[in-house]
């Protein structure tokens, strides 16, 4: 289930711009380590931690389980702020 948060502020006057921001996290690893023998087993890694710094090849490898970041479930948290003020 994705969590969404909407914040609405009111001010006297007119409409103002709407802004939004997103925060991406990679959580539990979903790689099936027993696929080659017809089974299903995950390693229990709960959160992606990059092995290297941003821009390196190791930035996409998890330090905890050794899997590529694409095997980890992606969570996107989005916050939208709309501001409206009724006319006087």
PDB file of N, CA and C in Angstrom:
ATOM      1  N   UNK A   1       0.837  -1.162   0.000  1.00  0.00           N
ATOM      2  CA  UNK A   1       0.000   0.000   0.000  1.00  0.00           C
ATOM      3  C   UNK A   1       0.894   1.240   0.000  1.00  0.00           C
ATOM      4  N   UNK A   2       0.615   2.170  -0.889  1.00  0.00           N
ATOM      5  CA  UNK A   2       1.392   3.396  -0.960  1.00  0.00           C
ATOM      6  C   UNK A   2       0.772   4.440  -0.050  1.00  0.00           C
ATOM      7  N   UNK A   3       1.618   5.149   0.668  1.00  0.00           N
ATOM      8  CA  UNK A   3       1.145   6.222   1.521  1.00  0.00           C
ATOM      9  C   UNK A   3       1.227   7.527   0.752  1.00  0.00           C
ATOM     10  N   UNK A   4       0.179   8.303   0.824  1.00  0.00           N
ATOM     11  CA  UNK A   4       0.161   9.601   0.168  1.00  0.00           C
ATOM     12  C   UNK A   4      -0.264  10.651   1.173  1.00  0.00           C
ATOM     13  N   UNK A   5       0.359  11.785   1.093  1.00  0.00           N
ATOM     14  CA  UNK A   5       0.039  12.863   1.999  1.00  0.00           C
ATOM     15  C   UNK A   5      -0.254  14.100   1.169  1.00  0.00           C
ATOM     16  N   UNK A   6      -1.389  14.737   1.448  1.00  0.00           N
ATOM     17  CA  UNK A   6      -1.757  15.965   0.762  1.00  0.00           C
ATOM     18  C   UNK A   6      -1.899  17.049   1.814  1.00  0.00           C
ATOM     19  N   UNK A   7      -1.221  18.154   1.589  1.00  0.00           N
ATOM     20  CA  UNK A   7      -1.269  19.279   2.511  1.00  0.00           C
ATOM     21  C   UNK A   7      -1.896  20.451   1.778  1.00  0.00           C
ATOM     22  N   UNK A   8      -2.955  21.021   2.351  1.00  0.00           N
ATOM     23  CA  UNK A   8      -3.627  22.160   1.741  1.00  0.00           C
ATOM     24  C   UNK A   8      -3.559  23.319   2.716  1.00  0.00           C
ATOM     25  N   UNK A   9      -3.059  24.460   2.245  1.00  0.00           N
ATOM     26  CA  UNK A   9      -2.971  25.661   3.067  1.00  0.00           C
ATOM     27  C   UNK A   9      -3.851  26.733   2.461  1.00  0.00           C
ATOM     28  N   UNK A  10      -4.469  27.552   3.313  1.00  0.00           N
ATOM     29  CA  UNK A  10      -5.293  28.637   2.817  1.00  0.00           C
ATOM     30  C   UNK A  10      -4.697  29.972   3.239  1.00  0.00           C
ATOM     31  N   UNK A  11      -4.740  30.936   2.327  1.00  0.00           N
ATOM     32  CA  UNK A  11      -4.300  32.299   2.586  1.00  0.00           C
ATOM     33  C   UNK A  11      -5.300  33.251   1.957  1.00  0.00           C
ATOM     34  N   UNK A  12      -5.367  34.486   2.458  1.00  0.00           N
ATOM     35  CA  UNK A  12      -6.208  35.494   1.826  1.00  0.00           C
ATOM     36  C   UNK A  12      -5.546  35.914   0.532  1.00  0.00           C
ATOM     37  N   UNK A  13      -6.336  36.115  -0.501  1.00  0.00           N
ATOM     38  CA  UNK A  13      -5.774  36.543  -1.772  1.00  0.00           C
ATOM     39  C   UNK A  13      -6.181  35.625  -2.890  1.00  0.00           C
ATOM     40  N   UNK A  14      -5.222  35.197  -3.658  1.00  0.00           N
ATOM     41  CA  UNK A  14      -5.506  34.402  -4.848  1.00  0.00           C
ATOM     42  C   UNK A  14      -4.768  33.073  -4.809  1.00  0.00           C
ATOM     43  N   UNK A  15      -4.874  32.352  -5.940  1.00  0.00           N
ATOM     44  CA  UNK A  15      -4.186  31.077  -6.055  1.00  0.00           C
ATOM     45  C   UNK A  15      -2.670  31.280  -6.040  1.00  0.00           C
ATOM     46  N   UNK A  16      -1.981  30.346  -5.481  1.00  0.00           N
ATOM     47  CA  UNK A  16      -0.524  30.325  -5.571  1.00  0.00           C
ATOM     48  C   UNK A  16      -0.117  29.004  -6.195  1.00  0.00           C
ATOM     49  N   UNK A  17       1.137  28.847  -6.464  1.00  0.00           N
ATOM     50  CA  UNK A  17       1.600  27.661  -7.185  1.00  0.00           C
ATOM     51  C   UNK A  17       1.469  26.396  -6.338  1.00  0.00           C
ATOM     52  N   UNK A  18       1.394  25.294  -7.031  1.00  0.00           N
ATOM     53  CA  UNK A  18       1.344  23.987  -6.397  1.00  0.00           C
ATOM     54  C   UNK A  18       2.716  23.348  -6.544  1.00  0.00           C
ATOM     55  N   UNK A  19       3.209  22.766  -5.471  1.00  0.00           N
ATOM     56  CA  UNK A  19       4.502  22.098  -5.542  1.00  0.00           C
ATOM     57  C   UNK A  19       4.366  20.677  -5.025  1.00  0.00           C
ATOM     58  N   UNK A  20       5.234  19.826  -5.505  1.00  0.00           N
ATOM     59  CA  UNK A  20       5.240  18.447  -5.032  1.00  0.00           C
ATOM     60  C   UNK A  20       6.679  17.978  -4.932  1.00  0.00           C
ATOM     61  N   UNK A  21       6.904  17.024  -4.037  1.00  0.00           N
ATOM     62  CA  UNK A  21       8.232  16.449  -3.894  1.00  0.00           C
ATOM     63  C   UNK A  21       8.088  14.948  -3.690  1.00  0.00           C
ATOM     64  N   UNK A  22       9.076  14.211  -4.165  1.00  0.00           N
ATOM     65  CA  UNK A  22       9.058  12.754  -4.042  1.00  0.00           C
ATOM     66  C   UNK A  22      10.309  12.278  -3.333  1.00  0.00           C
ATOM     67  N   UNK A  23      10.153  11.258  -2.543  1.00  0.00           N
ATOM     68  CA  UNK A  23      11.264  10.641  -1.845  1.00  0.00           C
ATOM     69  C   UNK A  23      11.209   9.148  -2.157  1.00  0.00           C
ATOM     70  N   UNK A  24      12.279   8.598  -2.736  1.00  0.00           N
ATOM     71  CA  UNK A  24      12.310   7.190  -3.136  1.00  0.00           C
ATOM     72  C   UNK A  24      13.189   6.407  -2.170  1.00  0.00           C
ATOM     73  N   UNK A  25      12.655   5.284  -1.689  1.00  0.00           N
ATOM     74  CA  UNK A  25      13.395   4.353  -0.830  1.00  0.00           C
ATOM     75  C   UNK A  25      13.311   2.970  -1.442  1.00  0.00           C
ATOM     76  N   UNK A  26      14.353   2.198  -1.260  1.00  0.00           N
ATOM     77  CA  UNK A  26      14.341   0.796  -1.688  1.00  0.00           C
ATOM     78  C   UNK A  26      14.360  -0.053  -0.431  1.00  0.00           C
ATOM     79  N   UNK A  27      13.336  -0.877  -0.264  1.00  0.00           N
ATOM     80  CA  UNK A  27      13.192  -1.658   0.971  1.00  0.00           C
ATOM     81  C   UNK A  27      13.494  -3.128   0.708  1.00  0.00           C
ATOM     82  N   UNK A  28      12.731  -4.067   1.233  1.00  0.00           N
ATOM     83  CA  UNK A  28      13.119  -5.480   1.263  1.00  0.00           C
ATOM     84  C   UNK A  28      13.446  -6.064  -0.101  1.00  0.00           C
ATOM     85  N   UNK A  29      14.428  -6.964  -0.083  1.00  0.00           N
ATOM     86  CA  UNK A  29      14.888  -7.647  -1.285  1.00  0.00           C
ATOM     87  C   UNK A  29      13.890  -8.729  -1.664  1.00  0.00           C
ATOM     88  N   UNK A  30      13.549  -8.800  -2.942  1.00  0.00           N
ATOM     89  CA  UNK A  30      12.573  -9.771  -3.406  1.00  0.00           C
ATOM     90  C   UNK A  30      13.176 -10.796  -4.362  1.00  0.00           C
ATOM     91  N   UNK A  31      14.498 -10.895  -4.395  1.00  0.00           N
ATOM     92  CA  UNK A  31      15.154 -11.852  -5.286  1.00  0.00           C
ATOM     93  C   UNK A  31      14.902 -13.276  -4.796  1.00  0.00           C
ATOM     94  N   UNK A  32      14.477 -14.138  -5.723  1.00  0.00           N
ATOM     95  CA  UNK A  32      14.236 -15.546  -5.413  1.00  0.00           C
ATOM     96  C   UNK A  32      15.547 -16.298  -5.604  1.00  0.00           C
ATOM     97  N   UNK A  33      16.197 -16.666  -4.503  1.00  0.00           N
ATOM     98  CA  UNK A  33      17.491 -17.335  -4.556  1.00  0.00           C
ATOM     99  C   UNK A  33      17.377 -18.821  -4.884  1.00  0.00           C
ATOM    100  N   UNK A  34      16.167 -19.372  -4.850  1.00  0.00           N
ATOM    101  CA  UNK A  34      15.984 -20.802  -5.125  1.00  0.00           C
ATOM    102  C   UNK A  34      15.268 -21.043  -6.455  1.00  0.00           C
ATOM    103  N   UNK A  35      15.243 -20.040  -7.328  1.00  0.00           N
ATOM    104  CA  UNK A  35      14.518 -20.180  -8.601  1.00  0.00           C
ATOM    105  C   UNK A  35      15.120 -21.268  -9.481  1.00  0.00           C
ATOM    106  N   UNK A  36      16.430 -21.449  -9.446  1.00  0.00           N
ATOM    107  CA  UNK A  36      17.063 -22.440 -10.327  1.00  0.00           C
ATOM    108  C   UNK A  36      16.726 -23.885  -9.953  1.00  0.00           C
ATOM    109  N   UNK A  37      16.230 -24.126  -8.747  1.00  0.00           N
ATOM    110  CA  UNK A  37      15.823 -25.484  -8.359  1.00  0.00           C
ATOM    111  C   UNK A  37      14.299 -25.607  -8.236  1.00  0.00           C
ATOM    112  N   UNK A  38      13.587 -24.559  -8.677  1.00  0.00           N
ATOM    113  CA  UNK A  38      12.133 -24.603  -8.670  1.00  0.00           C
ATOM    114  C   UNK A  38      11.493 -24.230  -7.351  1.00  0.00           C
ATOM    115  N   UNK A  39      12.224 -23.656  -6.452  1.00  0.00           N
ATOM    116  CA  UNK A  39      11.677 -23.270  -5.156  1.00  0.00           C
ATOM    117  C   UNK A  39      11.535 -21.764  -5.017  1.00  0.00           C
ATOM    118  N   UNK A  40      11.272 -21.345  -3.801  1.00  0.00           N
ATOM    119  CA  UNK A  40      11.155 -19.921  -3.517  1.00  0.00           C
ATOM    120  C   UNK A  40      11.818 -19.639  -2.174  1.00  0.00           C
ATOM    121  N   UNK A  41      12.838 -18.795  -2.176  1.00  0.00           N
ATOM    122  CA  UNK A  41      13.519 -18.421  -0.939  1.00  0.00           C
ATOM    123  C   UNK A  41      14.105 -17.024  -1.108  1.00  0.00           C
ATOM    124  N   UNK A  42      13.796 -16.152  -0.170  1.00  0.00           N
ATOM    125  CA  UNK A  42      14.378 -14.810  -0.176  1.00  0.00           C
ATOM    126  C   UNK A  42      15.389 -14.743   0.965  1.00  0.00           C
ATOM    127  N   UNK A  43      16.311 -13.796   0.889  1.00  0.00           N
ATOM    128  CA  UNK A  43      17.403 -13.758   1.860  1.00  0.00           C
ATOM    129  C   UNK A  43      17.083 -12.992   3.140  1.00  0.00           C
ATOM    130  N   UNK A  44      15.999 -12.253   3.183  1.00  0.00           N
ATOM    131  CA  UNK A  44      15.621 -11.546   4.404  1.00  0.00           C
ATOM    132  C   UNK A  44      16.202 -10.154   4.518  1.00  0.00           C
ATOM    133  N   UNK A  45      16.870  -9.663   3.491  1.00  0.00           N
ATOM    134  CA  UNK A  45      17.407  -8.313   3.504  1.00  0.00           C
ATOM    135  C   UNK A  45      16.245  -7.328   3.574  1.00  0.00           C
ATOM    136  N   UNK A  46      16.249  -6.432   4.546  1.00  0.00           N
ATOM    137  CA  UNK A  46      15.113  -5.544   4.790  1.00  0.00           C
ATOM    138  C   UNK A  46      15.224  -4.176   4.132  1.00  0.00           C
ATOM    139  N   UNK A  47      16.425  -3.732   3.782  1.00  0.00           N
ATOM    140  CA  UNK A  47      16.571  -2.404   3.190  1.00  0.00           C
ATOM    141  C   UNK A  47      17.835  -2.329   2.357  1.00  0.00           C
ATOM    142  N   UNK A  48      17.751  -1.674   1.201  1.00  0.00           N
ATOM    143  CA  UNK A  48      18.894  -1.506   0.317  1.00  0.00           C
ATOM    144  C   UNK A  48      19.878  -0.516   0.911  1.00  0.00           C
ATOM    145  N   UNK A  49      21.152  -0.913   0.956  1.00  0.00           N
ATOM    146  CA  UNK A  49      22.244  -0.026   1.378  1.00  0.00           C
ATOM    147  C   UNK A  49      23.305  -0.096   0.292  1.00  0.00           C
ATOM    148  N   UNK A  50      23.594   1.033  -0.332  1.00  0.00           N
ATOM    149  CA  UNK A  50      24.552   1.064  -1.433  1.00  0.00           C
ATOM    150  C   UNK A  50      25.943   0.666  -0.961  1.00  0.00           C
ATOM    151  N   UNK A  51      26.626  -0.129  -1.783  1.00  0.00           N
ATOM    152  CA  UNK A  51      27.989  -0.566  -1.449  1.00  0.00           C
ATOM    153  C   UNK A  51      29.023   0.515  -1.706  1.00  0.00           C
ATOM    154  N   UNK A  52      28.730   1.419  -2.626  1.00  0.00           N
ATOM    155  CA  UNK A  52      29.687   2.461  -2.986  1.00  0.00           C
ATOM    156  C   UNK A  52      29.036   3.821  -3.061  1.00  0.00           C
ATOM    157  N   UNK A  53      29.825   4.813  -3.406  1.00  0.00           N
ATOM    158  CA  UNK A  53      29.344   6.175  -3.507  1.00  0.00           C
ATOM    159  C   UNK A  53      28.537   6.418  -4.774  1.00  0.00           C
ATOM    160  N   UNK A  54      27.813   7.513  -4.772  1.00  0.00           N
ATOM    161  CA  UNK A  54      26.989   7.899  -5.916  1.00  0.00           C
ATOM    162  C   UNK A  54      27.846   8.042  -7.167  1.00  0.00           C
ATOM    163  N   UNK A  55      27.382   7.461  -8.266  1.00  0.00           N
ATOM    164  CA  UNK A  55      28.106   7.548  -9.525  1.00  0.00           C
ATOM    165  C   UNK A  55      29.049   6.386  -9.794  1.00  0.00           C
ATOM    166  N   UNK A  56      29.255   5.503  -8.832  1.00  0.00           N
ATOM    167  CA  UNK A  56      30.120   4.340  -9.035  1.00  0.00           C
ATOM    168  C   UNK A  56      29.257   3.123  -9.370  1.00  0.00           C
ATOM    169  N   UNK A  57      29.897   2.061  -9.868  1.00  0.00           N
ATOM    170  CA  UNK A  57      29.156   0.824 -10.160  1.00  0.00           C
ATOM    171  C   UNK A  57      28.602   0.190  -8.892  1.00  0.00           C
ATOM    172  N   UNK A  58      29.305   0.350  -7.780  1.00  0.00           N
ATOM    173  CA  UNK A  58      28.866  -0.239  -6.515  1.00  0.00           C
ATOM    174  C   UNK A  58      27.661   0.461  -5.908  1.00  0.00           C
ATOM    175  N   UNK A  59      27.282   1.622  -6.432  1.00  0.00           N
ATOM    176  CA  UNK A  59      26.128   2.348  -5.900  1.00  0.00           C
ATOM    177  C   UNK A  59      24.825   1.588  -6.153  1.00  0.00           C
ATOM    178  N   UNK A  60      24.813   0.671  -7.114  1.00  0.00           N
ATOM    179  CA  UNK A  60      23.613  -0.102  -7.434  1.00  0.00           C
ATOM    180  C   UNK A  60      23.636  -1.501  -6.839  1.00  0.00           C
ATOM    181  N   UNK A  61      24.658  -1.834  -6.047  1.00  0.00           N
ATOM    182  CA  UNK A  61      24.767  -3.141  -5.401  1.00  0.00           C
ATOM    183  C   UNK A  61      24.530  -2.979  -3.905  1.00  0.00           C
ATOM    184  N   UNK A  62      23.692  -3.857  -3.344  1.00  0.00           N
ATOM    185  CA  UNK A  62      23.365  -3.783  -1.913  1.00  0.00           C
ATOM    186  C   UNK A  62      24.524  -4.327  -1.082  1.00  0.00           C
ATOM    187  N   UNK A  63      24.925  -3.562  -0.068  1.00  0.00           N
ATOM    188  CA  UNK A  63      26.013  -3.988   0.809  1.00  0.00           C
ATOM    189  C   UNK A  63      25.587  -5.137   1.715  1.00  0.00           C
ATOM    190  N   UNK A  64      24.290  -5.251   2.006  1.00  0.00           N
ATOM    191  CA  UNK A  64      23.808  -6.282   2.922  1.00  0.00           C
ATOM    192  C   UNK A  64      23.658  -7.648   2.245  1.00  0.00           C
ATOM    193  N   UNK A  65      23.078  -7.676   1.038  1.00  0.00           N
ATOM    194  CA  UNK A  65      22.797  -8.976   0.412  1.00  0.00           C
ATOM    195  C   UNK A  65      23.540  -9.207  -0.899  1.00  0.00           C
ATOM    196  N   UNK A  66      24.138  -8.182  -1.477  1.00  0.00           N
ATOM    197  CA  UNK A  66      24.889  -8.329  -2.712  1.00  0.00           C
ATOM    198  C   UNK A  66      24.054  -8.288  -3.977  1.00  0.00           C
ATOM    199  N   UNK A  67      22.746  -8.074  -3.856  1.00  0.00           N
ATOM    200  CA  UNK A  67      21.858  -8.036  -5.018  1.00  0.00           C
ATOM    201  C   UNK A  67      21.852  -6.644  -5.645  1.00  0.00           C
ATOM    202  N   UNK A  68      21.427  -6.575  -6.902  1.00  0.00           N
ATOM    203  CA  UNK A  68      21.253  -5.295  -7.591  1.00  0.00           C
ATOM    204  C   UNK A  68      20.049  -4.570  -6.987  1.00  0.00           C
ATOM    205  N   UNK A  69      20.075  -3.255  -7.051  1.00  0.00           N
ATOM    206  CA  UNK A  69      19.009  -2.439  -6.470  1.00  0.00           C
ATOM    207  C   UNK A  69      17.643  -2.767  -7.064  1.00  0.00           C
ATOM    208  N   UNK A  70      17.589  -3.231  -8.308  1.00  0.00           N
ATOM    209  CA  UNK A  70      16.303  -3.525  -8.949  1.00  0.00           C
ATOM    210  C   UNK A  70      15.556  -4.691  -8.293  1.00  0.00           C
ATOM    211  N   UNK A  71      16.242  -5.524  -7.502  1.00  0.00           N
ATOM    212  CA  UNK A  71      15.569  -6.614  -6.787  1.00  0.00           C
ATOM    213  C   UNK A  71      14.865  -6.129  -5.523  1.00  0.00           C
ATOM    214  N   UNK A  72      15.144  -4.916  -5.095  1.00  0.00           N
ATOM    215  CA  UNK A  72      14.531  -4.369  -3.886  1.00  0.00           C
ATOM    216  C   UNK A  72      13.249  -3.626  -4.242  1.00  0.00           C
ATOM    217  N   UNK A  73      12.222  -3.805  -3.401  1.00  0.00           N
ATOM    218  CA  UNK A  73      10.933  -3.157  -3.634  1.00  0.00           C
ATOM    219  C   UNK A  73      11.089  -1.654  -3.484  1.00  0.00           C
ATOM    220  N   UNK A  74      10.545  -0.915  -4.444  1.00  0.00           N
ATOM    221  CA  UNK A  74      10.675   0.537  -4.474  1.00  0.00           C
ATOM    222  C   UNK A  74       9.467   1.178  -3.806  1.00  0.00           C
ATOM    223  N   UNK A  75       9.704   2.101  -2.878  1.00  0.00           N
ATOM    224  CA  UNK A  75       8.648   2.865  -2.222  1.00  0.00           C
ATOM    225  C   UNK A  75       8.829   4.326  -2.581  1.00  0.00           C
ATOM    226  N   UNK A  76       7.757   4.952  -3.030  1.00  0.00           N
ATOM    227  CA  UNK A  76       7.807   6.367  -3.371  1.00  0.00           C
ATOM    228  C   UNK A  76       6.873   7.110  -2.428  1.00  0.00           C
ATOM    229  N   UNK A  77       7.424   8.062  -1.703  1.00  0.00           N
ATOM    230  CA  UNK A  77       6.629   8.916  -0.827  1.00  0.00           C
ATOM    231  C   UNK A  77       6.513  10.267  -1.514  1.00  0.00           C
ATOM    232  N   UNK A  78       5.272  10.708  -1.718  1.00  0.00           N
ATOM    233  CA  UNK A  78       5.038  11.959  -2.425  1.00  0.00           C
ATOM    234  C   UNK A  78       4.277  12.914  -1.529  1.00  0.00           C
ATOM    235  N   UNK A  79       4.691  14.158  -1.517  1.00  0.00           N
ATOM    236  CA  UNK A  79       3.993  15.200  -0.777  1.00  0.00           C
ATOM    237  C   UNK A  79       3.611  16.299  -1.756  1.00  0.00           C
ATOM    238  N   UNK A  80       2.338  16.648  -1.770  1.00  0.00           N
ATOM    239  CA  UNK A  80       1.836  17.691  -2.660  1.00  0.00           C
ATOM    240  C   UNK A  80       1.297  18.819  -1.796  1.00  0.00           C
ATOM    241  N   UNK A  81       1.690  20.038  -2.106  1.00  0.00           N
ATOM    242  CA  UNK A  81       1.222  21.200  -1.357  1.00  0.00           C
ATOM    243  C   UNK A  81       0.484  22.114  -2.314  1.00  0.00           C
ATOM    244  N   UNK A  82      -0.789  22.369  -2.010  1.00  0.00           N
ATOM    245  CA  UNK A  82      -1.605  23.276  -2.808  1.00  0.00           C
ATOM    246  C   UNK A  82      -2.005  24.443  -1.910  1.00  0.00           C
ATOM    247  N   UNK A  83      -1.854  25.633  -2.402  1.00  0.00           N
ATOM    248  CA  UNK A  83      -2.239  26.800  -1.629  1.00  0.00           C
ATOM    249  C   UNK A  83      -3.317  27.571  -2.374  1.00  0.00           C
ATOM    250  N   UNK A  84      -4.400  27.919  -1.674  1.00  0.00           N
ATOM    251  CA  UNK A  84      -5.500  28.663  -2.271  1.00  0.00           C
ATOM    252  C   UNK A  84      -6.006  29.656  -1.244  1.00  0.00           C
ATOM    253  N   UNK A  85      -6.312  30.842  -1.695  1.00  0.00           N
ATOM    254  CA  UNK A  85      -6.934  31.840  -0.835  1.00  0.00           C
ATOM    255  C   UNK A  85      -8.206  32.328  -1.494  1.00  0.00           C
ATOM    256  N   UNK A  86      -9.309  32.310  -0.771  1.00  0.00           N
ATOM    257  CA  UNK A  86     -10.560  32.790  -1.352  1.00  0.00           C
ATOM    258  C   UNK A  86     -10.494  34.304  -1.606  1.00  0.00           C
ATOM    259  N   UNK A  87     -11.210  34.796  -2.603  1.00  0.00           N
ATOM    260  CA  UNK A  87     -11.193  36.235  -2.874  1.00  0.00           C
ATOM    261  C   UNK A  87     -11.820  37.018  -1.722  1.00  0.00           C
ATOM    262  N   UNK A  88     -11.363  38.239  -1.571  1.00  0.00           N
ATOM    263  CA  UNK A  88     -11.878  39.094  -0.474  1.00  0.00           C
ATOM    264  C   UNK A  88     -13.300  39.479  -0.674  1.00  0.00           C
TER     265      UNK A  88
END
